[in-house]
Amino acid sequence: MPEQPKSSFFLKACYLMIAIGVLNFLVFVAGATYLGGDAVNGKVENGRYYLFGVRTDSERKGYTEVSERVFTYSRWHVYSIL
């Protein structure tokens, strides 16, 4: 009987981690769509930062210039879903 509370806690913890992972992924997709791509596929050139992905203004793939902070955020958010 004492084993059931531990397994119940473990099961709830697993569901919580899965829910957080799914939510993190959905936030990433929304952010990458809004920003025009992600930093992992982007580049840094001459001190300028570019995300690569589908641009919202033309609906074609290309580079979108962003600030260093946005580039860093995007890179770390990609790493968090890997």
PDB file of N, CA and C in Angstrom:
ATOM      1  N   MET A   1       0.792  -1.208   0.000  1.00  0.00           N
ATOM      2  CA  MET A   1       0.000   0.000   0.000  1.00  0.00           C
ATOM      3  C   MET A   1       0.838   1.279   0.000  1.00  0.00           C
ATOM      4  N   PRO A   2       1.960   1.380   0.719  1.00  0.00           N
ATOM      5  CA  PRO A   2       2.712   2.630   0.732  1.00  0.00           C
ATOM      6  C   PRO A   2       3.284   2.993  -0.639  1.00  0.00           C
ATOM      7  N   GLU A   3       3.398   2.047  -1.552  1.00  0.00           N
ATOM      8  CA  GLU A   3       3.968   2.321  -2.871  1.00  0.00           C
ATOM      9  C   GLU A   3       3.044   3.162  -3.743  1.00  0.00           C
ATOM     10  N   GLN A   4       1.758   3.096  -3.527  1.00  0.00           N
ATOM     11  CA  GLN A   4       0.818   3.812  -4.380  1.00  0.00           C
ATOM     12  C   GLN A   4       0.984   5.334  -4.319  1.00  0.00           C
ATOM     13  N   PRO A   5       1.162   5.950  -3.173  1.00  0.00           N
ATOM     14  CA  PRO A   5       1.361   7.400  -3.165  1.00  0.00           C
ATOM     15  C   PRO A   5       2.604   7.837  -3.940  1.00  0.00           C
ATOM     16  N   LYS A   6       3.682   7.070  -3.883  1.00  0.00           N
ATOM     17  CA  LYS A   6       4.888   7.416  -4.625  1.00  0.00           C
ATOM     18  C   LYS A   6       4.634   7.338  -6.122  1.00  0.00           C
ATOM     19  N   SER A   7       3.983   6.275  -6.578  1.00  0.00           N
ATOM     20  CA  SER A   7       3.731   6.141  -8.012  1.00  0.00           C
ATOM     21  C   SER A   7       2.725   7.188  -8.483  1.00  0.00           C
ATOM     22  N   SER A   8       1.775   7.538  -7.635  1.00  0.00           N
ATOM     23  CA  SER A   8       0.813   8.568  -7.991  1.00  0.00           C
ATOM     24  C   SER A   8       1.523   9.916  -8.133  1.00  0.00           C
ATOM     25  N   PHE A   9       2.438  10.223  -7.220  1.00  0.00           N
ATOM     26  CA  PHE A   9       3.209  11.457  -7.302  1.00  0.00           C
ATOM     27  C   PHE A   9       4.069  11.467  -8.561  1.00  0.00           C
ATOM     28  N   PHE A  10       4.721  10.339  -8.846  1.00  0.00           N
ATOM     29  CA  PHE A  10       5.572  10.222 -10.025  1.00  0.00           C
ATOM     30  C   PHE A  10       4.758  10.428 -11.298  1.00  0.00           C
ATOM     31  N   LEU A  11       3.576   9.839 -11.360  1.00  0.00           N
ATOM     32  CA  LEU A  11       2.714   9.969 -12.534  1.00  0.00           C
ATOM     33  C   LEU A  11       2.283  11.424 -12.729  1.00  0.00           C
ATOM     34  N   LYS A  12       1.909  12.090 -11.650  1.00  0.00           N
ATOM     35  CA  LYS A  12       1.512  13.501 -11.739  1.00  0.00           C
ATOM     36  C   LYS A  12       2.694  14.369 -12.171  1.00  0.00           C
ATOM     37  N   ALA A  13       3.875  14.068 -11.661  1.00  0.00           N
ATOM     38  CA  ALA A  13       5.071  14.819 -12.042  1.00  0.00           C
ATOM     39  C   ALA A  13       5.371  14.633 -13.534  1.00  0.00           C
ATOM     40  N   CYS A  14       5.195  13.416 -14.034  1.00  0.00           N
ATOM     41  CA  CYS A  14       5.411  13.159 -15.464  1.00  0.00           C
ATOM     42  C   CYS A  14       4.415  13.932 -16.316  1.00  0.00           C
ATOM     43  N   TYR A  15       3.150  13.911 -15.938  1.00  0.00           N
ATOM     44  CA  TYR A  15       2.135  14.667 -16.680  1.00  0.00           C
ATOM     45  C   TYR A  15       2.441  16.159 -16.663  1.00  0.00           C
ATOM     46  N   LEU A  16       2.889  16.663 -15.532  1.00  0.00           N
ATOM     47  CA  LEU A  16       3.223  18.078 -15.420  1.00  0.00           C
ATOM     48  C   LEU A  16       4.394  18.431 -16.338  1.00  0.00           C
ATOM     49  N   MET A  17       5.441  17.601 -16.361  1.00  0.00           N
ATOM     50  CA  MET A  17       6.588  17.858 -17.227  1.00  0.00           C
ATOM     51  C   MET A  17       6.199  17.797 -18.699  1.00  0.00           C
ATOM     52  N   ILE A  18       5.336  16.856 -19.060  1.00  0.00           N
ATOM     53  CA  ILE A  18       4.863  16.767 -20.448  1.00  0.00           C
ATOM     54  C   ILE A  18       4.067  18.010 -20.816  1.00  0.00           C
ATOM     55  N   ALA A  19       3.192  18.451 -19.923  1.00  0.00           N
ATOM     56  CA  ALA A  19       2.385  19.650 -20.185  1.00  0.00           C
ATOM     57  C   ALA A  19       3.275  20.882 -20.339  1.00  0.00           C
ATOM     58  N   ILE A  20       4.291  21.013 -19.500  1.00  0.00           N
ATOM     59  CA  ILE A  20       5.213  22.149 -19.597  1.00  0.00           C
ATOM     60  C   ILE A  20       5.982  22.094 -20.918  1.00  0.00           C
ATOM     61  N   GLY A  21       6.403  20.911 -21.319  1.00  0.00           N
ATOM     62  CA  GLY A  21       7.122  20.752 -22.589  1.00  0.00           C
ATOM     63  C   GLY A  21       6.254  21.117 -23.787  1.00  0.00           C
ATOM     64  N   VAL A  22       5.008  20.674 -23.786  1.00  0.00           N
ATOM     65  CA  VAL A  22       4.093  20.999 -24.884  1.00  0.00           C
ATOM     66  C   VAL A  22       3.826  22.504 -24.913  1.00  0.00           C
ATOM     67  N   LEU A  23       3.591  23.106 -23.755  1.00  0.00           N
ATOM     68  CA  LEU A  23       3.357  24.539 -23.685  1.00  0.00           C
ATOM     69  C   LEU A  23       4.583  25.320 -24.172  1.00  0.00           C
ATOM     70  N   ASN A  24       5.773  24.893 -23.773  1.00  0.00           N
ATOM     71  CA  ASN A  24       7.009  25.533 -24.207  1.00  0.00           C
ATOM     72  C   ASN A  24       7.143  25.465 -25.728  1.00  0.00           C
ATOM     73  N   PHE A  25       6.823  24.325 -26.310  1.00  0.00           N
ATOM     74  CA  PHE A  25       6.903  24.165 -27.756  1.00  0.00           C
ATOM     75  C   PHE A  25       5.909  25.082 -28.468  1.00  0.00           C
ATOM     76  N   LEU A  26       4.687  25.165 -27.947  1.00  0.00           N
ATOM     77  CA  LEU A  26       3.674  26.030 -28.563  1.00  0.00           C
ATOM     78  C   LEU A  26       4.075  27.498 -28.474  1.00  0.00           C
ATOM     79  N   VAL A  27       4.648  27.897 -27.345  1.00  0.00           N
ATOM     80  CA  VAL A  27       5.132  29.276 -27.204  1.00  0.00           C
ATOM     81  C   VAL A  27       6.267  29.536 -28.187  1.00  0.00           C
ATOM     82  N   PHE A  28       7.142  28.547 -28.378  1.00  0.00           N
ATOM     83  CA  PHE A  28       8.233  28.697 -29.348  1.00  0.00           C
ATOM     84  C   PHE A  28       7.688  28.888 -30.756  1.00  0.00           C
ATOM     85  N   VAL A  29       6.729  28.061 -31.162  1.00  0.00           N
ATOM     86  CA  VAL A  29       6.155  28.168 -32.508  1.00  0.00           C
ATOM     87  C   VAL A  29       5.502  29.533 -32.700  1.00  0.00           C
ATOM     88  N   ALA A  30       4.741  29.979 -31.701  1.00  0.00           N
ATOM     89  CA  ALA A  30       4.099  31.293 -31.788  1.00  0.00           C
ATOM     90  C   ALA A  30       5.148  32.403 -31.878  1.00  0.00           C
ATOM     91  N   GLY A  31       6.193  32.313 -31.058  1.00  0.00           N
ATOM     92  CA  GLY A  31       7.249  33.327 -31.070  1.00  0.00           C
ATOM     93  C   GLY A  31       8.016  33.345 -32.381  1.00  0.00           C
ATOM     94  N   ALA A  32       8.373  32.179 -32.889  1.00  0.00           N
ATOM     95  CA  ALA A  32       9.114  32.108 -34.151  1.00  0.00           C
ATOM     96  C   ALA A  32       8.261  32.633 -35.305  1.00  0.00           C
ATOM     97  N   THR A  33       6.975  32.365 -35.259  1.00  0.00           N
ATOM     98  CA  THR A  33       6.078  32.882 -36.293  1.00  0.00           C
ATOM     99  C   THR A  33       6.003  34.401 -36.213  1.00  0.00           C
ATOM    100  N   TYR A  34       5.848  34.920 -35.008  1.00  0.00           N
ATOM    101  CA  TYR A  34       5.750  36.366 -34.811  1.00  0.00           C
ATOM    102  C   TYR A  34       7.051  37.080 -35.185  1.00  0.00           C
ATOM    103  N   LEU A  35       8.194  36.510 -34.774  1.00  0.00           N
ATOM    104  CA  LEU A  35       9.482  37.153 -35.011  1.00  0.00           C
ATOM    105  C   LEU A  35      10.015  36.943 -36.425  1.00  0.00           C
ATOM    106  N   GLY A  36       9.532  35.935 -37.110  1.00  0.00           N
ATOM    107  CA  GLY A  36       9.991  35.683 -38.470  1.00  0.00           C
ATOM    108  C   GLY A  36      11.083  34.643 -38.571  1.00  0.00           C
ATOM    109  N   GLY A  37      11.206  33.793 -37.571  1.00  0.00           N
ATOM    110  CA  GLY A  37      12.192  32.724 -37.632  1.00  0.00           C
ATOM    111  C   GLY A  37      12.821  32.461 -36.284  1.00  0.00           C
ATOM    112  N   ASP A  38      13.945  31.732 -36.322  1.00  0.00           N
ATOM    113  CA  ASP A  38      14.660  31.417 -35.086  1.00  0.00           C
ATOM    114  C   ASP A  38      16.156  31.645 -35.274  1.00  0.00           C
ATOM    115  N   ALA A  39      16.849  31.781 -34.160  1.00  0.00           N
ATOM    116  CA  ALA A  39      18.270  32.127 -34.183  1.00  0.00           C
ATOM    117  C   ALA A  39      19.165  30.952 -34.551  1.00  0.00           C
ATOM    118  N   VAL A  40      18.729  29.736 -34.311  1.00  0.00           N
ATOM    119  CA  VAL A  40      19.577  28.586 -34.620  1.00  0.00           C
ATOM    120  C   VAL A  40      19.818  28.508 -36.126  1.00  0.00           C
ATOM    121  N   ASN A  41      18.820  28.858 -36.901  1.00  0.00           N
ATOM    122  CA  ASN A  41      18.972  28.892 -38.352  1.00  0.00           C
ATOM    123  C   ASN A  41      19.410  30.269 -38.845  1.00  0.00           C
ATOM    124  N   GLY A  42      19.504  31.227 -37.941  1.00  0.00           N
ATOM    125  CA  GLY A  42      19.882  32.586 -38.304  1.00  0.00           C
ATOM    126  C   GLY A  42      21.381  32.767 -38.390  1.00  0.00           C
ATOM    127  N   LYS A  43      21.791  34.035 -38.358  1.00  0.00           N
ATOM    128  CA  LYS A  43      23.223  34.321 -38.477  1.00  0.00           C
ATOM    129  C   LYS A  43      23.541  35.649 -37.811  1.00  0.00           C
ATOM    130  N   VAL A  44      24.840  35.845 -37.522  1.00  0.00           N
ATOM    131  CA  VAL A  44      25.364  37.114 -37.042  1.00  0.00           C
ATOM    132  C   VAL A  44      26.362  37.567 -38.095  1.00  0.00           C
ATOM    133  N   GLU A  45      26.141  38.769 -38.594  1.00  0.00           N
ATOM    134  CA  GLU A  45      26.991  39.269 -39.667  1.00  0.00           C
ATOM    135  C   GLU A  45      27.281  40.752 -39.438  1.00  0.00           C
ATOM    136  N   ASN A  46      28.553  41.094 -39.307  1.00  0.00           N
ATOM    137  CA  ASN A  46      28.968  42.493 -39.095  1.00  0.00           C
ATOM    138  C   ASN A  46      28.262  43.138 -37.903  1.00  0.00           C
ATOM    139  N   GLY A  47      28.109  42.397 -36.830  1.00  0.00           N
ATOM    140  CA  GLY A  47      27.482  42.934 -35.629  1.00  0.00           C
ATOM    141  C   GLY A  47      25.967  43.045 -35.714  1.00  0.00           C
ATOM    142  N   ARG A  48      25.376  42.510 -36.745  1.00  0.00           N
ATOM    143  CA  ARG A  48      23.914  42.510 -36.899  1.00  0.00           C
ATOM    144  C   ARG A  48      23.413  41.085 -36.729  1.00  0.00           C
ATOM    145  N   TYR A  49      22.210  40.978 -36.199  1.00  0.00           N
ATOM    146  CA  TYR A  49      21.646  39.673 -35.849  1.00  0.00           C
ATOM    147  C   TYR A  49      20.422  39.404 -36.710  1.00  0.00           C
ATOM    148  N   TYR A  50      20.367  38.194 -37.271  1.00  0.00           N
ATOM    149  CA  TYR A  50      19.285  37.828 -38.167  1.00  0.00           C
ATOM    150  C   TYR A  50      18.690  36.485 -37.766  1.00  0.00           C
ATOM    151  N   LEU A  51      17.367  36.426 -37.733  1.00  0.00           N
ATOM    152  CA  LEU A  51      16.651  35.167 -37.572  1.00  0.00           C
ATOM    153  C   LEU A  51      16.327  34.662 -38.962  1.00  0.00           C
ATOM    154  N   PHE A  52      16.239  33.341 -39.105  1.00  0.00           N
ATOM    155  CA  PHE A  52      15.870  32.780 -40.406  1.00  0.00           C
ATOM    156  C   PHE A  52      14.590  31.991 -40.259  1.00  0.00           C
ATOM    157  N   GLY A  53      13.673  32.236 -41.168  1.00  0.00           N
ATOM    158  CA  GLY A  53      12.409  31.510 -41.175  1.00  0.00           C
ATOM    159  C   GLY A  53      11.435  32.184 -42.115  1.00  0.00           C
ATOM    160  N   VAL A  54      10.183  31.832 -41.978  1.00  0.00           N
ATOM    161  CA  VAL A  54       9.146  32.411 -42.822  1.00  0.00           C
ATOM    162  C   VAL A  54       8.851  33.819 -42.324  1.00  0.00           C
ATOM    163  N   ARG A  55       9.049  34.778 -43.200  1.00  0.00           N
ATOM    164  CA  ARG A  55       8.793  36.189 -42.855  1.00  0.00           C
ATOM    165  C   ARG A  55       7.301  36.450 -42.922  1.00  0.00           C
ATOM    166  N   THR A  56       6.797  37.159 -41.933  1.00  0.00           N
ATOM    167  CA  THR A  56       5.358  37.413 -41.870  1.00  0.00           C
ATOM    168  C   THR A  56       4.900  38.420 -42.922  1.00  0.00           C
ATOM    169  N   ASP A  57       5.799  39.294 -43.376  1.00  0.00           N
ATOM    170  CA  ASP A  57       5.389  40.296 -44.359  1.00  0.00           C
ATOM    171  C   ASP A  57       5.292  39.749 -45.780  1.00  0.00           C
ATOM    172  N   SER A  58       6.104  38.752 -46.118  1.00  0.00           N
ATOM    173  CA  SER A  58       6.096  38.226 -47.481  1.00  0.00           C
ATOM    174  C   SER A  58       5.704  36.759 -47.565  1.00  0.00           C
ATOM    175  N   GLU A  59       5.592  36.095 -46.428  1.00  0.00           N
ATOM    176  CA  GLU A  59       5.276  34.669 -46.354  1.00  0.00           C
ATOM    177  C   GLU A  59       6.277  33.804 -47.122  1.00  0.00           C
ATOM    178  N   ARG A  60       7.502  34.290 -47.228  1.00  0.00           N
ATOM    179  CA  ARG A  60       8.597  33.529 -47.835  1.00  0.00           C
ATOM    180  C   ARG A  60       9.718  33.401 -46.814  1.00  0.00           C
ATOM    181  N   LYS A  61      10.543  32.395 -47.004  1.00  0.00           N
ATOM    182  CA  LYS A  61      11.666  32.223 -46.091  1.00  0.00           C
ATOM    183  C   LYS A  61      12.736  33.261 -46.378  1.00  0.00           C
ATOM    184  N   GLY A  62      13.318  33.746 -45.308  1.00  0.00           N
ATOM    185  CA  GLY A  62      14.370  34.738 -45.438  1.00  0.00           C
ATOM    186  C   GLY A  62      14.874  35.158 -44.073  1.00  0.00           C
ATOM    187  N   TYR A  63      15.758  36.121 -44.057  1.00  0.00           N
ATOM    188  CA  TYR A  63      16.347  36.622 -42.825  1.00  0.00           C
ATOM    189  C   TYR A  63      15.600  37.861 -42.354  1.00  0.00           C
ATOM    190  N   THR A  64      15.431  37.948 -41.033  1.00  0.00           N
ATOM    191  CA  THR A  64      14.807  39.101 -40.398  1.00  0.00           C
ATOM    192  C   THR A  64      15.783  39.669 -39.390  1.00  0.00           C
ATOM    193  N   GLU A  65      16.123  40.936 -39.533  1.00  0.00           N
ATOM    194  CA  GLU A  65      17.068  41.551 -38.590  1.00  0.00           C
ATOM    195  C   GLU A  65      16.377  41.834 -37.267  1.00  0.00           C
ATOM    196  N   VAL A  66      17.053  41.466 -36.178  1.00  0.00           N
ATOM    197  CA  VAL A  66      16.521  41.661 -34.828  1.00  0.00           C
ATOM    198  C   VAL A  66      17.632  42.181 -33.925  1.00  0.00           C
ATOM    199  N   SER A  67      17.269  42.548 -32.713  1.00  0.00           N
ATOM    200  CA  SER A  67      18.269  42.985 -31.747  1.00  0.00           C
ATOM    201  C   SER A  67      19.036  41.781 -31.199  1.00  0.00           C
ATOM    202  N   GLU A  68      20.143  42.069 -30.551  1.00  0.00           N
ATOM    203  CA  GLU A  68      20.930  40.994 -29.940  1.00  0.00           C
ATOM    204  C   GLU A  68      20.124  40.271 -28.869  1.00  0.00           C
ATOM    205  N   ARG A  69      19.327  41.001 -28.110  1.00  0.00           N
ATOM    206  CA  ARG A  69      18.514  40.386 -27.052  1.00  0.00           C
ATOM    207  C   ARG A  69      17.495  39.417 -27.627  1.00  0.00           C
ATOM    208  N   VAL A  70      16.825  39.814 -28.697  1.00  0.00           N
ATOM    209  CA  VAL A  70      15.837  38.925 -29.323  1.00  0.00           C
ATOM    210  C   VAL A  70      16.539  37.699 -29.892  1.00  0.00           C
ATOM    211  N   PHE A  71      17.695  37.894 -30.505  1.00  0.00           N
ATOM    212  CA  PHE A  71      18.459  36.780 -31.067  1.00  0.00           C
ATOM    213  C   PHE A  71      18.854  35.791 -29.964  1.00  0.00           C
ATOM    214  N   THR A  72      19.351  36.322 -28.841  1.00  0.00           N
ATOM    215  CA  THR A  72      19.753  35.469 -27.718  1.00  0.00           C
ATOM    216  C   THR A  72      18.555  34.730 -27.139  1.00  0.00           C
ATOM    217  N   TYR A  73      17.430  35.441 -26.967  1.00  0.00           N
ATOM    218  CA  TYR A  73      16.208  34.790 -26.480  1.00  0.00           C
ATOM    219  C   TYR A  73      15.814  33.644 -27.405  1.00  0.00           C
ATOM    220  N   SER A  74      15.796  33.907 -28.702  1.00  0.00           N
ATOM    221  CA  SER A  74      15.378  32.891 -29.661  1.00  0.00           C
ATOM    222  C   SER A  74      16.299  31.676 -29.609  1.00  0.00           C
ATOM    223  N   ARG A  75      17.602  31.925 -29.528  1.00  0.00           N
ATOM    224  CA  ARG A  75      18.550  30.805 -29.472  1.00  0.00           C
ATOM    225  C   ARG A  75      18.315  29.945 -28.231  1.00  0.00           C
ATOM    226  N   TRP A  76      18.167  30.580 -27.067  1.00  0.00           N
ATOM    227  CA  TRP A  76      17.966  29.819 -25.841  1.00  0.00           C
ATOM    228  C   TRP A  76      16.599  29.132 -25.817  1.00  0.00           C
ATOM    229  N   HIS A  77      15.609  29.731 -26.442  1.00  0.00           N
ATOM    230  CA  HIS A  77      14.305  29.067 -26.472  1.00  0.00           C
ATOM    231  C   HIS A  77      14.375  27.816 -27.345  1.00  0.00           C
ATOM    232  N   VAL A  78      15.105  27.869 -28.443  1.00  0.00           N
ATOM    233  CA  VAL A  78      15.291  26.664 -29.268  1.00  0.00           C
ATOM    234  C   VAL A  78      15.998  25.593 -28.453  1.00  0.00           C
ATOM    235  N   TYR A  79      17.053  25.973 -27.741  1.00  0.00           N
ATOM    236  CA  TYR A  79      17.792  24.997 -26.937  1.00  0.00           C
ATOM    237  C   TYR A  79      16.901  24.362 -25.873  1.00  0.00           C
ATOM    238  N   SER A  80      15.938  25.114 -25.352  1.00  0.00           N
ATOM    239  CA  SER A  80      15.071  24.581 -24.296  1.00  0.00           C
ATOM    240  C   SER A  80      14.106  23.526 -24.809  1.00  0.00           C
ATOM    241  N   ILE A  81      13.859  23.481 -26.118  1.00  0.00           N
ATOM    242  CA  ILE A  81      12.941  22.467 -26.628  1.00  0.00           C
ATOM    243  C   ILE A  81      13.664  21.248 -27.197  1.00  0.00           C
ATOM    244  N   LEU A  82      14.983  21.307 -27.265  1.00  0.00           N
ATOM    245  CA  LEU A  82      15.726  20.155 -27.795  1.00  0.00           C
ATOM    246  C   LEU A  82      15.859  19.051 -26.789  1.00  0.00           C
TER     247      LEU A  82
END
